[in-house]
PDB file of N, CA and C in Angstrom:
ATOM      1  N   MET A   1      52.718  -1.676  59.703  1.00  0.00           N
ATOM      2  CA  MET A   1      51.781  -1.909  59.740  1.00  0.00           C
ATOM      3  C   MET A   1      50.351  -2.165  58.242  1.00  0.00           C
ATOM      4  N   THR A   2      50.288  -3.406  57.785  1.00  0.00           N
ATOM      5  CA  THR A   2      48.486  -3.260  56.551  1.00  0.00           C
ATOM      6  C   THR A   2      48.025  -2.937  56.761  1.00  0.00           C
ATOM      7  N   ASP A   3      47.160  -3.019  55.411  1.00  0.00           N
ATOM      8  CA  ASP A   3      46.217  -2.085  55.371  1.00  0.00           C
ATOM      9  C   ASP A   3      45.382  -3.752  54.983  1.00  0.00           C
ATOM     10  N   GLU A   4      45.350  -4.439  55.072  1.00  0.00           N
ATOM     11  CA  GLU A   4      45.332  -5.343  54.478  1.00  0.00           C
ATOM     12  C   GLU A   4      44.073  -6.211  56.012  1.00  0.00           C
ATOM     13  N   PRO A   5      42.454  -6.567  56.130  1.00  0.00           N
ATOM     14  CA  PRO A   5      42.089  -6.787  56.929  1.00  0.00           C
ATOM     15  C   PRO A   5      43.132  -7.971  57.199  1.00  0.00           C
ATOM     16  N   SER A   6      43.555  -8.938  58.564  1.00  0.00           N
ATOM     17  CA  SER A   6      43.585 -10.531  59.212  1.00  0.00           C
ATOM     18  C   SER A   6      42.980 -11.023  58.749  1.00  0.00           C
ATOM     19  N   LEU A   7      43.530 -12.342  58.524  1.00  0.00           N
ATOM     20  CA  LEU A   7      42.118 -13.363  58.345  1.00  0.00           C
ATOM     21  C   LEU A   7      42.037 -14.055  59.465  1.00  0.00           C
ATOM     22  N   SER A   8      41.061 -14.953  59.317  1.00  0.00           N
ATOM     23  CA  SER A   8      40.963 -16.031  61.154  1.00  0.00           C
ATOM     24  C   SER A   8      41.590 -17.089  60.653  1.00  0.00           C
ATOM     25  N   GLU A   9      41.731 -18.089  61.558  1.00  0.00           N
ATOM     26  CA  GLU A   9      42.590 -19.587  61.557  1.00  0.00           C
ATOM     27  C   GLU A   9      40.933 -20.523  60.876  1.00  0.00           C
ATOM     28  N   HIS A  10      40.502 -20.524  60.429  1.00  0.00           N
ATOM     29  CA  HIS A  10      39.460 -20.637  59.512  1.00  0.00           C
ATOM     30  C   HIS A  10      40.047 -20.141  58.232  1.00  0.00           C
ATOM     31  N   GLU A  11      39.973 -19.154  57.616  1.00  0.00           N
ATOM     32  CA  GLU A  11      39.568 -18.431  56.697  1.00  0.00           C
ATOM     33  C   GLU A  11      41.087 -18.780  55.625  1.00  0.00           C
ATOM     34  N   GLN A  12      41.710 -18.637  56.813  1.00  0.00           N
ATOM     35  CA  GLN A  12      43.823 -18.746  56.917  1.00  0.00           C
ATOM     36  C   GLN A  12      43.925 -20.276  56.509  1.00  0.00           C
ATOM     37  N   ARG A  13      43.267 -21.207  56.548  1.00  0.00           N
ATOM     38  CA  ARG A  13      42.902 -22.920  56.624  1.00  0.00           C
ATOM     39  C   ARG A  13      42.547 -22.958  54.583  1.00  0.00           C
ATOM     40  N   ILE A  14      41.233 -22.208  55.538  1.00  0.00           N
ATOM     41  CA  ILE A  14      39.975 -22.511  53.828  1.00  0.00           C
ATOM     42  C   ILE A  14      41.262 -22.220  52.173  1.00  0.00           C
ATOM     43  N   LEU A  15      41.840 -20.517  52.625  1.00  0.00           N
ATOM     44  CA  LEU A  15      42.680 -20.113  51.923  1.00  0.00           C
ATOM     45  C   LEU A  15      43.419 -20.740  50.941  1.00  0.00           C
ATOM     46  N   ALA A  16      44.048 -20.952  52.348  1.00  0.00           N
ATOM     47  CA  ALA A  16      45.562 -22.261  52.370  1.00  0.00           C
ATOM     48  C   ALA A  16      44.822 -23.952  50.865  1.00  0.00           C
ATOM     49  N   GLU A  17      43.485 -24.287  50.826  1.00  0.00           N
ATOM     50  CA  GLU A  17      42.962 -25.250  50.034  1.00  0.00           C
ATOM     51  C   GLU A  17      43.016 -24.965  49.180  1.00  0.00           C
ATOM     52  N   ILE A  18      42.337 -23.493  48.760  1.00  0.00           N
ATOM     53  CA  ILE A  18      41.890 -23.154  47.366  1.00  0.00           C
ATOM     54  C   ILE A  18      43.676 -23.620  46.895  1.00  0.00           C
ATOM     55  N   GLU A  19      44.251 -22.385  47.630  1.00  0.00           N
ATOM     56  CA  GLU A  19      45.197 -22.720  46.825  1.00  0.00           C
ATOM     57  C   GLU A  19      46.349 -23.553  46.035  1.00  0.00           C
ATOM     58  N   ARG A  20      46.534 -25.318  47.372  1.00  0.00           N
ATOM     59  CA  ARG A  20      46.807 -26.211  47.042  1.00  0.00           C
ATOM     60  C   ARG A  20      45.871 -26.713  45.127  1.00  0.00           C
ATOM     61  N   ASN A  21      44.575 -26.254  45.851  1.00  0.00           N
ATOM     62  CA  ASN A  21      43.692 -26.772  45.203  1.00  0.00           C
ATOM     63  C   ASN A  21      44.028 -26.293  43.356  1.00  0.00           C
ATOM     64  N   LEU A  22      43.848 -25.135  43.201  1.00  0.00           N
ATOM     65  CA  LEU A  22      44.495 -24.535  42.012  1.00  0.00           C
ATOM     66  C   LEU A  22      45.546 -24.711  41.681  1.00  0.00           C
ATOM     67  N   ALA A  23      46.976 -25.271  42.828  1.00  0.00           N
ATOM     68  CA  ALA A  23      47.459 -25.176  41.942  1.00  0.00           C
ATOM     69  C   ALA A  23      47.944 -26.343  41.041  1.00  0.00           C
ATOM     70  N   ALA A  24      47.257 -28.067  41.812  1.00  0.00           N
ATOM     71  CA  ALA A  24      47.177 -28.936  41.415  1.00  0.00           C
ATOM     72  C   ALA A  24      45.647 -28.611  39.639  1.00  0.00           C
ATOM     73  N   GLU A  25      44.994 -28.134  40.296  1.00  0.00           N
ATOM     74  CA  GLU A  25      43.762 -28.350  39.074  1.00  0.00           C
ATOM     75  C   GLU A  25      44.368 -27.531  37.619  1.00  0.00           C
ATOM     76  N   ASP A  26      45.323 -26.575  37.674  1.00  0.00           N
ATOM     77  CA  ASP A  26      45.673 -25.638  36.235  1.00  0.00           C
ATOM     78  C   ASP A  26      47.401 -24.657  37.305  1.00  0.00           C
ATOM     79  N   PRO A  27      47.748 -25.530  36.958  1.00  0.00           N
ATOM     80  CA  PRO A  27      49.687 -25.600  37.420  1.00  0.00           C
ATOM     81  C   PRO A  27      50.218 -23.826  36.835  1.00  0.00           C
ATOM     82  N   ASP A  28      49.811 -23.567  34.945  1.00  0.00           N
ATOM     83  CA  ASP A  28      50.117 -22.969  33.899  1.00  0.00           C
ATOM     84  C   ASP A  28      49.208 -21.667  35.109  1.00  0.00           C
ATOM     85  N   PHE A  29      48.475 -21.805  34.924  1.00  0.00           N
ATOM     86  CA  PHE A  29      47.101 -20.394  35.564  1.00  0.00           C
ATOM     87  C   PHE A  29      48.229 -19.691  36.873  1.00  0.00           C
ATOM     88  N   VAL A  30      48.119 -20.685  37.822  1.00  0.00           N
ATOM     89  CA  VAL A  30      49.091 -20.340  38.757  1.00  0.00           C
ATOM     90  C   VAL A  30      50.669 -19.919  38.170  1.00  0.00           C
ATOM     91  N   ARG A  31      51.081 -20.129  37.336  1.00  0.00           N
ATOM     92  CA  ARG A  31      52.675 -20.194  37.359  1.00  0.00           C
ATOM     93  C   ARG A  31      52.682 -18.675  36.705  1.00  0.00           C
ATOM     94  N   ARG A  32      51.587 -18.627  35.509  1.00  0.00           N
ATOM     95  CA  ARG A  32      51.424 -17.718  35.174  1.00  0.00           C
ATOM     96  C   ARG A  32      50.979 -16.090  36.187  1.00  0.00           C
ATOM     97  N   ALA A  33      49.714 -16.315  37.071  1.00  0.00           N
ATOM     98  CA  ALA A  33      49.630 -15.016  37.489  1.00  0.00           C
ATOM     99  C   ALA A  33      50.477 -15.072  39.479  1.00  0.00           C
ATOM    100  N   THR A  34      51.601 -16.154  39.326  1.00  0.00           N
ATOM    101  CA  THR A  34      52.332 -14.940  40.365  1.00  0.00           C
ATOM    102  C   THR A  34      53.662 -14.080  39.136  1.00  0.00           C
ATOM    103  N   GLU A  35      54.358 -15.016  37.666  1.00  0.00           N
ATOM    104  CA  GLU A  35      55.002 -13.969  36.954  1.00  0.00           C
ATOM    105  C   GLU A  35      53.919 -11.884  36.822  1.00  0.00           C
ATOM    106  N   ALA A  36      52.310 -12.560  37.063  1.00  0.00           N
ATOM    107  CA  ALA A  36      52.593 -10.889  36.839  1.00  0.00           C
ATOM    108  C   ALA A  36      52.459  -9.735  37.661  1.00  0.00           C
ATOM    109  N   ARG A  37      52.802  -9.750  38.822  1.00  0.00           N
ATOM    110  CA  ARG A  37      53.281  -8.837  39.266  1.00  0.00           C
ATOM    111  C   ARG A  37      54.118  -8.688  38.594  1.00  0.00           C
ATOM    112  N   PRO A  38      55.656  -8.378  38.242  1.00  0.00           N
ATOM    113  CA  PRO A  38      57.369  -8.892  38.298  1.00  0.00           C
ATOM    114  C   PRO A  38      56.776  -7.811  36.548  1.00  0.00           C
ATOM    115  N   THR A  39      55.512  -8.344  36.090  1.00  0.00           N
ATOM    116  CA  THR A  39      55.560  -7.453  34.767  1.00  0.00           C
ATOM    117  C   THR A  39      54.870  -5.967  34.824  1.00  0.00           C
ATOM    118  N   THR A  40      53.686  -5.895  36.437  1.00  0.00           N
ATOM    119  CA  THR A  40      53.807  -4.065  36.546  1.00  0.00           C
ATOM    120  C   THR A  40      55.414  -3.430  36.858  1.00  0.00           C
ATOM    121  N   ASN A  41      56.017  -4.978  37.529  1.00  0.00           N
ATOM    122  CA  ASN A  41      56.399  -3.382  37.885  1.00  0.00           C
ATOM    123  C   ASN A  41      58.114  -3.463  37.384  1.00  0.00           C
ATOM    124  N   ALA A  42      57.672  -4.003  36.441  1.00  0.00           N
ATOM    125  CA  ALA A  42      58.945  -3.626  35.180  1.00  0.00           C
ATOM    126  C   ALA A  42      58.128  -2.529  34.070  1.00  0.00           C
ATOM    127  N   SER A  43      56.856  -2.737  33.960  1.00  0.00           N
ATOM    128  CA  SER A  43      56.913  -1.802  32.871  1.00  0.00           C
ATOM    129  C   SER A  43      56.925  -0.215  34.145  1.00  0.00           C
ATOM    130  N   ARG A  44      56.479  -0.302  35.325  1.00  0.00           N
ATOM    131  CA  ARG A  44      56.397   0.908  35.372  1.00  0.00           C
ATOM    132  C   ARG A  44      58.135   1.621  35.664  1.00  0.00           C
ATOM    133  N   ILE A  45      58.606  -0.033  36.241  1.00  0.00           N
ATOM    134  CA  ILE A  45      59.809   1.024  35.801  1.00  0.00           C
ATOM    135  C   ILE A  45      60.937   1.617  34.602  1.00  0.00           C
ATOM    136  N   LEU A  46      60.631   0.436  33.451  1.00  0.00           N
ATOM    137  CA  LEU A  46      60.849   1.473  31.880  1.00  0.00           C
ATOM    138  C   LEU A  46      60.029   2.166  32.052  1.00  0.00           C
ATOM    139  N   ARG A  47      58.761   2.972  32.380  1.00  0.00           N
ATOM    140  CA  ARG A  47      58.064   3.980  31.714  1.00  0.00           C
ATOM    141  C   ARG A  47      58.846   5.475  32.545  1.00  0.00           C
ATOM    142  N   LEU A  48      59.673   5.266  33.791  1.00  0.00           N
ATOM    143  CA  LEU A  48      60.154   5.819  34.447  1.00  0.00           C
ATOM    144  C   LEU A  48      61.442   6.347  33.860  1.00  0.00           C
ATOM    145  N   SER A  49      62.010   5.227  33.464  1.00  0.00           N
ATOM    146  CA  SER A  49      63.213   5.505  33.073  1.00  0.00           C
ATOM    147  C   SER A  49      63.596   5.795  31.813  1.00  0.00           C
ATOM    148  N   ILE A  50      62.136   5.697  30.612  1.00  0.00           N
ATOM    149  CA  ILE A  50      61.795   6.721  29.196  1.00  0.00           C
ATOM    150  C   ILE A  50      62.558   7.543  30.099  1.00  0.00           C
ATOM    151  N   LEU A  51      61.416   8.452  31.473  1.00  0.00           N
ATOM    152  CA  LEU A  51      60.786   9.246  31.249  1.00  0.00           C
ATOM    153  C   LEU A  51      62.136  10.403  31.507  1.00  0.00           C
ATOM    154  N   GLY A  52      62.780  10.019  32.984  1.00  0.00           N
ATOM    155  CA  GLY A  52      64.271   9.702  33.759  1.00  0.00           C
ATOM    156  C   GLY A  52      65.187  10.437  32.425  1.00  0.00           C
ATOM    157  N   PHE A  53      65.456   9.768  31.151  1.00  0.00           N
ATOM    158  CA  PHE A  53      66.112   9.476  30.441  1.00  0.00           C
ATOM    159  C   PHE A  53      65.747  10.419  29.240  1.00  0.00           C
ATOM    160  N   ILE A  54      64.592  11.268  28.663  1.00  0.00           N
ATOM    161  CA  ILE A  54      64.251  12.354  28.308  1.00  0.00           C
ATOM    162  C   ILE A  54      64.567  13.413  29.012  1.00  0.00           C
ATOM    163  N   VAL A  55      64.908  14.105  30.800  1.00  0.00           N
ATOM    164  CA  VAL A  55      64.666  14.895  31.591  1.00  0.00           C
ATOM    165  C   VAL A  55      66.520  14.732  31.916  1.00  0.00           C
ATOM    166  N   GLY A  56      66.917  13.435  31.351  1.00  0.00           N
ATOM    167  CA  GLY A  56      68.749  13.712  31.486  1.00  0.00           C
ATOM    168  C   GLY A  56      68.949  14.498  30.121  1.00  0.00           C
ATOM    169  N   LEU A  57      68.371  14.149  29.607  1.00  0.00           N
ATOM    170  CA  LEU A  57      68.984  14.211  28.173  1.00  0.00           C
ATOM    171  C   LEU A  57      68.824  16.158  28.214  1.00  0.00           C
ATOM    172  N   ALA A  58      67.483  16.580  28.506  1.00  0.00           N
ATOM    173  CA  ALA A  58      67.143  18.357  28.711  1.00  0.00           C
ATOM    174  C   ALA A  58      68.058  18.648  30.286  1.00  0.00           C
ATOM    175  N   LEU A  59      68.982  18.377  30.803  1.00  0.00           N
ATOM    176  CA  LEU A  59      69.499  18.838  31.355  1.00  0.00           C
ATOM    177  C   LEU A  59      70.919  18.841  30.997  1.00  0.00           C
ATOM    178  N   LEU A  60      71.252  17.639  30.610  1.00  0.00           N
ATOM    179  CA  LEU A  60      72.836  17.888  29.352  1.00  0.00           C
ATOM    180  C   LEU A  60      72.675  18.311  28.072  1.00  0.00           C
ATOM    181  N   LEU A  61      71.511  18.588  27.506  1.00  0.00           N
ATOM    182  CA  LEU A  61      71.616  20.397  26.514  1.00  0.00           C
ATOM    183  C   LEU A  61      71.294  21.162  26.555  1.00  0.00           C
ATOM    184  N   GLY A  62      70.218  21.196  27.652  1.00  0.00           N
ATOM    185  CA  GLY A  62      69.642  22.663  27.712  1.00  0.00           C
ATOM    186  C   GLY A  62      70.468  23.499  29.311  1.00  0.00           C
ATOM    187  N   TYR A  63      71.315  22.880  29.381  1.00  0.00           N
ATOM    188  CA  TYR A  63      72.640  23.425  31.037  1.00  0.00           C
ATOM    189  C   TYR A  63      73.678  23.098  30.875  1.00  0.00           C
ATOM    190  N   THR A  64      74.564  23.384  28.966  1.00  0.00           N
ATOM    191  CA  THR A  64      75.515  23.319  28.412  1.00  0.00           C
ATOM    192  C   THR A  64      76.394  24.123  29.103  1.00  0.00           C
ATOM    193  N   THR A  65      76.281  25.092  29.604  1.00  0.00           N
ATOM    194  CA  THR A  65      77.573  26.443  30.400  1.00  0.00           C
ATOM    195  C   THR A  65      76.988  26.084  31.689  1.00  0.00           C
ATOM    196  N   ASN A  66      76.798  25.104  32.139  1.00  0.00           N
ATOM    197  CA  ASN A  66      76.586  24.545  33.778  1.00  0.00           C
ATOM    198  C   ASN A  66      77.173  23.306  33.538  1.00  0.00           C
ATOM    199  N   LEU A  67      78.978  22.826  34.273  1.00  0.00           N
ATOM    200  CA  LEU A  67      79.590  21.799  34.215  1.00  0.00           C
ATOM    201  C   LEU A  67      78.276  21.028  34.820  1.00  0.00           C
ATOM    202  N   ILE A  68      78.319  21.666  36.060  1.00  0.00           N
ATOM    203  CA  ILE A  68      77.815  20.278  36.907  1.00  0.00           C
ATOM    204  C   ILE A  68      76.037  19.596  36.002  1.00  0.00           C
ATOM    205  N   LEU A  69      75.086  21.114  36.424  1.00  0.00           N
ATOM    206  CA  LEU A  69      74.087  20.259  35.792  1.00  0.00           C
ATOM    207  C   LEU A  69      74.384  19.138  34.462  1.00  0.00           C
ATOM    208  N   GLY A  70      75.169  19.117  33.609  1.00  0.00           N
ATOM    209  CA  GLY A  70      75.294  18.705  32.397  1.00  0.00           C
ATOM    210  C   GLY A  70      76.039  16.895  33.078  1.00  0.00           C
ATOM    211  N   VAL A  71      76.413  17.408  33.860  1.00  0.00           N
ATOM    212  CA  VAL A  71      76.819  15.789  34.879  1.00  0.00           C
ATOM    213  C   VAL A  71      76.213  14.640  35.156  1.00  0.00           C
ATOM    214  N   VAL A  72      75.264  15.856  35.809  1.00  0.00           N
ATOM    215  CA  VAL A  72      74.170  15.509  36.352  1.00  0.00           C
ATOM    216  C   VAL A  72      73.221  14.796  35.589  1.00  0.00           C
ATOM    217  N   GLY A  73      72.905  15.508  34.394  1.00  0.00           N
ATOM    218  CA  GLY A  73      72.486  14.795  33.355  1.00  0.00           C
ATOM    219  C   GLY A  73      72.527  13.275  33.106  1.00  0.00           C
ATOM    220  N   PHE A  74      73.644  13.366  32.664  1.00  0.00           N
ATOM    221  CA  PHE A  74      74.086  12.238  32.003  1.00  0.00           C
ATOM    222  C   PHE A  74      73.729  11.653  32.897  1.00  0.00           C
ATOM    223  N   LEU A  75      74.187  11.419  34.610  1.00  0.00           N
ATOM    224  CA  LEU A  75      74.135  11.247  35.125  1.00  0.00           C
ATOM    225  C   LEU A  75      73.202  10.274  35.229  1.00  0.00           C
ATOM    226  N   VAL A  76      71.859  11.618  35.056  1.00  0.00           N
ATOM    227  CA  VAL A  76      70.573  10.520  34.620  1.00  0.00           C
ATOM    228  C   VAL A  76      70.199   9.667  34.176  1.00  0.00           C
ATOM    229  N   MET A  77      70.078   9.945  33.137  1.00  0.00           N
ATOM    230  CA  MET A  77      70.803   9.757  31.485  1.00  0.00           C
ATOM    231  C   MET A  77      71.096   7.826  31.949  1.00  0.00           C
ATOM    232  N   LEU A  78      72.282   8.186  32.304  1.00  0.00           N
ATOM    233  CA  LEU A  78      72.925   6.797  32.758  1.00  0.00           C
ATOM    234  C   LEU A  78      72.126   5.400  33.695  1.00  0.00           C
ATOM    235  N   ALA A  79      71.928   6.269  34.075  1.00  0.00           N
ATOM    236  CA  ALA A  79      70.588   5.393  35.483  1.00  0.00           C
ATOM    237  C   ALA A  79      69.504   5.060  34.179  1.00  0.00           C
ATOM    238  N   SER A  80      68.673   6.036  33.542  1.00  0.00           N
ATOM    239  CA  SER A  80      67.459   5.787  33.104  1.00  0.00           C
ATOM    240  C   SER A  80      68.225   4.532  32.042  1.00  0.00           C
ATOM    241  N   VAL A  81      69.003   4.157  31.199  1.00  0.00           N
ATOM    242  CA  VAL A  81      69.588   3.371  30.141  1.00  0.00           C
ATOM    243  C   VAL A  81      69.341   1.811  31.397  1.00  0.00           C
ATOM    244  N   VAL A  82      70.357   1.866  32.682  1.00  0.00           N
ATOM    245  CA  VAL A  82      70.333   1.132  33.237  1.00  0.00           C
ATOM    246  C   VAL A  82      69.549   0.090  33.290  1.00  0.00           C
ATOM    247  N   GLY A  83      68.331   1.045  33.477  1.00  0.00           N
ATOM    248  CA  GLY A  83      66.985   0.328  34.648  1.00  0.00           C
ATOM    249  C   GLY A  83      66.238   0.444  32.774  1.00  0.00           C
ATOM    250  N   VAL A  84      66.250   1.370  31.693  1.00  0.00           N
ATOM    251  CA  VAL A  84      64.851   0.575  30.547  1.00  0.00           C
ATOM    252  C   VAL A  84      65.694  -0.640  30.397  1.00  0.00           C
ATOM    253  N   VAL A  85      66.627  -1.115  29.638  1.00  0.00           N
ATOM    254  CA  VAL A  85      67.739  -2.544  29.861  1.00  0.00           C
ATOM    255  C   VAL A  85      67.298  -3.051  30.873  1.00  0.00           C
ATOM    256  N   SER A  86      66.941  -3.338  32.327  1.00  0.00           N
ATOM    257  CA  SER A  86      66.902  -4.377  33.100  1.00  0.00           C
ATOM    258  C   SER A  86      65.112  -4.412  32.978  1.00  0.00           C
ATOM    259  N   SER A  87      64.300  -3.590  32.632  1.00  0.00           N
ATOM    260  CA  SER A  87      63.107  -3.332  32.854  1.00  0.00           C
ATOM    261  C   SER A  87      62.514  -4.395  31.308  1.00  0.00           C
ATOM    262  N   ALA A  88      63.291  -4.218  31.255  1.00  0.00           N
ATOM    263  CA  ALA A  88      63.129  -5.055  29.361  1.00  0.00           C
ATOM    264  C   ALA A  88      63.671  -6.239  28.842  1.00  0.00           C
ATOM    265  N   ARG A  89      64.714  -6.983  30.190  1.00  0.00           N
ATOM    266  CA  ARG A  89      64.745  -8.107  29.936  1.00  0.00           C
ATOM    267  C   ARG A  89      63.907  -8.673  30.944  1.00  0.00           C
ATOM    268  N   THR A  90      63.189  -7.486  32.203  1.00  0.00           N
ATOM    269  CA  THR A  90      62.282  -8.750  32.734  1.00  0.00           C
ATOM    270  C   THR A  90      61.032  -9.253  31.769  1.00  0.00           C
ATOM    271  N   LEU A  91      60.922  -7.661  31.400  1.00  0.00           N
ATOM    272  CA  LEU A  91      59.401  -8.180  31.113  1.00  0.00           C
ATOM    273  C   LEU A  91      59.625  -9.060  29.023  1.00  0.00           C
ATOM    274  N   ALA A  92      60.723  -9.905  28.874  1.00  0.00           N
ATOM    275  CA  ALA A  92      61.688 -10.245  27.747  1.00  0.00           C
ATOM    276  C   ALA A  92      61.524 -11.633  28.974  1.00  0.00           C
ATOM    277  N   ALA A  93      61.648 -12.031  29.578  1.00  0.00           N
ATOM    278  CA  ALA A  93      62.120 -13.194  30.105  1.00  0.00           C
ATOM    279  C   ALA A  93      60.416 -13.933  30.656  1.00  0.00           C
ATOM    280  N   VAL A  94      59.702 -12.447  31.209  1.00  0.00           N
ATOM    281  CA  VAL A  94      57.874 -13.197  31.535  1.00  0.00           C
ATOM    282  C   VAL A  94      57.409 -13.734  29.584  1.00  0.00           C
ATOM    283  N   GLY A  95      57.235 -12.572  28.342  1.00  0.00           N
ATOM    284  CA  GLY A  95      56.844 -13.376  27.383  1.00  0.00           C
ATOM    285  C   GLY A  95      56.255 -12.279  26.664  1.00  0.00           C
ATOM    286  N   ARG A  96      56.252 -10.393  27.308  1.00  0.00           N
ATOM    287  CA  ARG A  96      55.659  -9.902  27.093  1.00  0.00           C
ATOM    288  C   ARG A  96      56.728  -7.893  26.148  1.00  0.00           C
ATOM    289  N   SER A  97      56.896  -8.517  25.124  1.00  0.00           N
ATOM    290  CA  SER A  97      58.810  -7.984  24.437  1.00  0.00           C
ATOM    291  C   SER A  97      57.996  -5.884  25.226  1.00  0.00           C
ATOM    292  N   PRO A  98      59.392  -5.399  24.832  1.00  0.00           N
ATOM    293  CA  PRO A  98      58.548  -3.949  25.108  1.00  0.00           C
ATOM    294  C   PRO A  98      57.666  -3.423  24.256  1.00  0.00           C
ATOM    295  N   SER A  99      59.070  -3.694  22.631  1.00  0.00           N
ATOM    296  CA  SER A  99      57.907  -3.377  21.494  1.00  0.00           C
ATOM    297  C   SER A  99      55.982  -3.445  21.779  1.00  0.00           C
ATOM    298  N   THR A 100      56.226  -4.414  21.666  1.00  0.00           N
ATOM    299  CA  THR A 100      54.767  -5.150  22.080  1.00  0.00           C
ATOM    300  C   THR A 100      53.770  -3.760  23.042  1.00  0.00           C
ATOM    301  N   MET A 101      54.655  -3.832  23.979  1.00  0.00           N
ATOM    302  CA  MET A 101      54.199  -3.142  25.648  1.00  0.00           C
ATOM    303  C   MET A 101      53.058  -1.218  24.750  1.00  0.00           C
ATOM    304  N   PHE A 102      55.149  -0.907  23.472  1.00  0.00           N
ATOM    305  CA  PHE A 102      54.445   0.575  23.120  1.00  0.00           C
ATOM    306  C   PHE A 102      53.360   0.510  22.170  1.00  0.00           C
ATOM    307  N   ARG A 103      53.663  -1.395  21.034  1.00  0.00           N
ATOM    308  CA  ARG A 103      52.742  -0.580  20.377  1.00  0.00           C
ATOM    309  C   ARG A 103      50.726  -1.040  21.009  1.00  0.00           C
ATOM    310  N   ASP A 104      51.404  -1.734  21.556  1.00  0.00           N
ATOM    311  CA  ASP A 104      49.265  -1.378  22.469  1.00  0.00           C
ATOM    312  C   ASP A 104      49.219  -0.300  22.805  1.00  0.00           C
ATOM    313  N   ALA A 105      50.281   0.522  23.886  1.00  0.00           N
ATOM    314  CA  ALA A 105      50.211   1.703  24.557  1.00  0.00           C
ATOM    315  C   ALA A 105      49.799   3.397  23.313  1.00  0.00           C
ATOM    316  N   TRP A 106      50.511   3.188  21.736  1.00  0.00           N
ATOM    317  CA  TRP A 106      50.253   3.768  20.712  1.00  0.00           C
ATOM    318  C   TRP A 106      48.674   3.408  20.349  1.00  0.00           C
ATOM    319  N   LYS A 107      48.192   2.157  19.967  1.00  0.00           N
ATOM    320  CA  LYS A 107      47.110   1.946  20.076  1.00  0.00           C
ATOM    321  C   LYS A 107      46.398   2.502  20.343  1.00  0.00           C
ATOM    322  N   ARG A 108      46.169   2.458  21.870  1.00  0.00           N
ATOM    323  CA  ARG A 108      45.500   3.380  23.200  1.00  0.00           C
ATOM    324  C   ARG A 108      44.943   4.296  22.180  1.00  0.00           C
ATOM    325  N   ALA A 109      45.751   4.643  22.090  1.00  0.00           N
ATOM    326  CA  ALA A 109      46.457   6.553  22.070  1.00  0.00           C
ATOM    327  C   ALA A 109      45.901   5.923  20.929  1.00  0.00           C
ATOM    328  N   GLU A 110      45.470   5.820  20.344  1.00  0.00           N
ATOM    329  CA  GLU A 110      44.622   6.904  18.456  1.00  0.00           C
ATOM    330  C   GLU A 110      43.646   6.610  18.804  1.00  0.00           C
ATOM    331  N   ASP A 111      43.039   4.846  19.308  1.00  0.00           N
ATOM    332  CA  ASP A 111      41.834   4.456  19.762  1.00  0.00           C
ATOM    333  C   ASP A 111      41.103   6.275  20.513  1.00  0.00           C
ATOM    334  N   ARG A 112      41.573   6.073  21.818  1.00  0.00           N
ATOM    335  CA  ARG A 112      41.291   7.984  22.611  1.00  0.00           C
ATOM    336  C   ARG A 112      41.170   8.681  21.356  1.00  0.00           C
ATOM    337  N   MET A 113      41.550   9.147  20.797  1.00  0.00           N
ATOM    338  CA  MET A 113      41.892  10.497  20.071  1.00  0.00           C
ATOM    339  C   MET A 113      40.657  10.700  18.704  1.00  0.00           C
ATOM    340  N   ARG A 114      41.384   9.376  18.325  1.00  0.00           N
ATOM    341  CA  ARG A 114      39.698   8.660  17.152  1.00  0.00           C
ATOM    342  C   ARG A 114      37.735   8.917  17.999  1.00  0.00           C
ATOM    343  N   THR A 115      38.054   8.546  18.929  1.00  0.00           N
ATOM    344  CA  THR A 115      37.161   9.212  19.696  1.00  0.00           C
ATOM    345  C   THR A 115      36.588  10.050  20.284  1.00  0.00           C
ATOM    346  N   ARG A 116      37.448  10.866  20.430  1.00  0.00           N
ATOM    347  CA  ARG A 116      37.419  12.633  20.923  1.00  0.00           C
ATOM    348  C   ARG A 116      37.199  13.016  19.745  1.00  0.00           C
ATOM    349  N   ARG A 117      37.845  13.161  18.323  1.00  0.00           N
ATOM    350  CA  ARG A 117      38.000  13.437  17.379  1.00  0.00           C
ATOM    351  C   ARG A 117      35.333  13.259  16.556  1.00  0.00           C
ATOM    352  N   ARG A 118      35.495  11.781  17.443  1.00  0.00           N
ATOM    353  CA  ARG A 118      33.656  11.741  16.397  1.00  0.00           C
ATOM    354  C   ARG A 118      32.771  12.511  17.644  1.00  0.00           C
ATOM    355  N   ASP A 119      33.499  12.483  18.629  1.00  0.00           N
ATOM    356  CA  ASP A 119      32.667  13.403  19.896  1.00  0.00           C
ATOM    357  C   ASP A 119      32.300  15.002  19.354  1.00  0.00           C
ATOM    358  N   GLN A 120      33.335  15.112  18.725  1.00  0.00           N
ATOM    359  CA  GLN A 120      33.364  16.637  18.733  1.00  0.00           C
ATOM    360  C   GLN A 120      32.518  17.135  17.562  1.00  0.00           C
TER     361      GLN A 120
END
């Protein structure tokens, strides 16, 4: 069951007509809009994979006395690397490089810190 309200038949026809007109008038916008969603998912996967790599590294280094936890840490790191590579490829195919994404995130963090210092 979805949370979206269902549209009447008339509303569905109007929406379909709007989509056709938009595709005819500005196909580049339609292409960019349809590719925007994978970028969001790829960015989320990239962040989670980096976090997973850090957790896996902590398991591997922090629990060297227990072989099972070391192996689990290695497997988590391996899965995270696969996630980073696949999401980086998706971001590069869409046109947004991971380095640009990290630079933007770093700049936003710096701006927040400067704002906090000024407010104090």
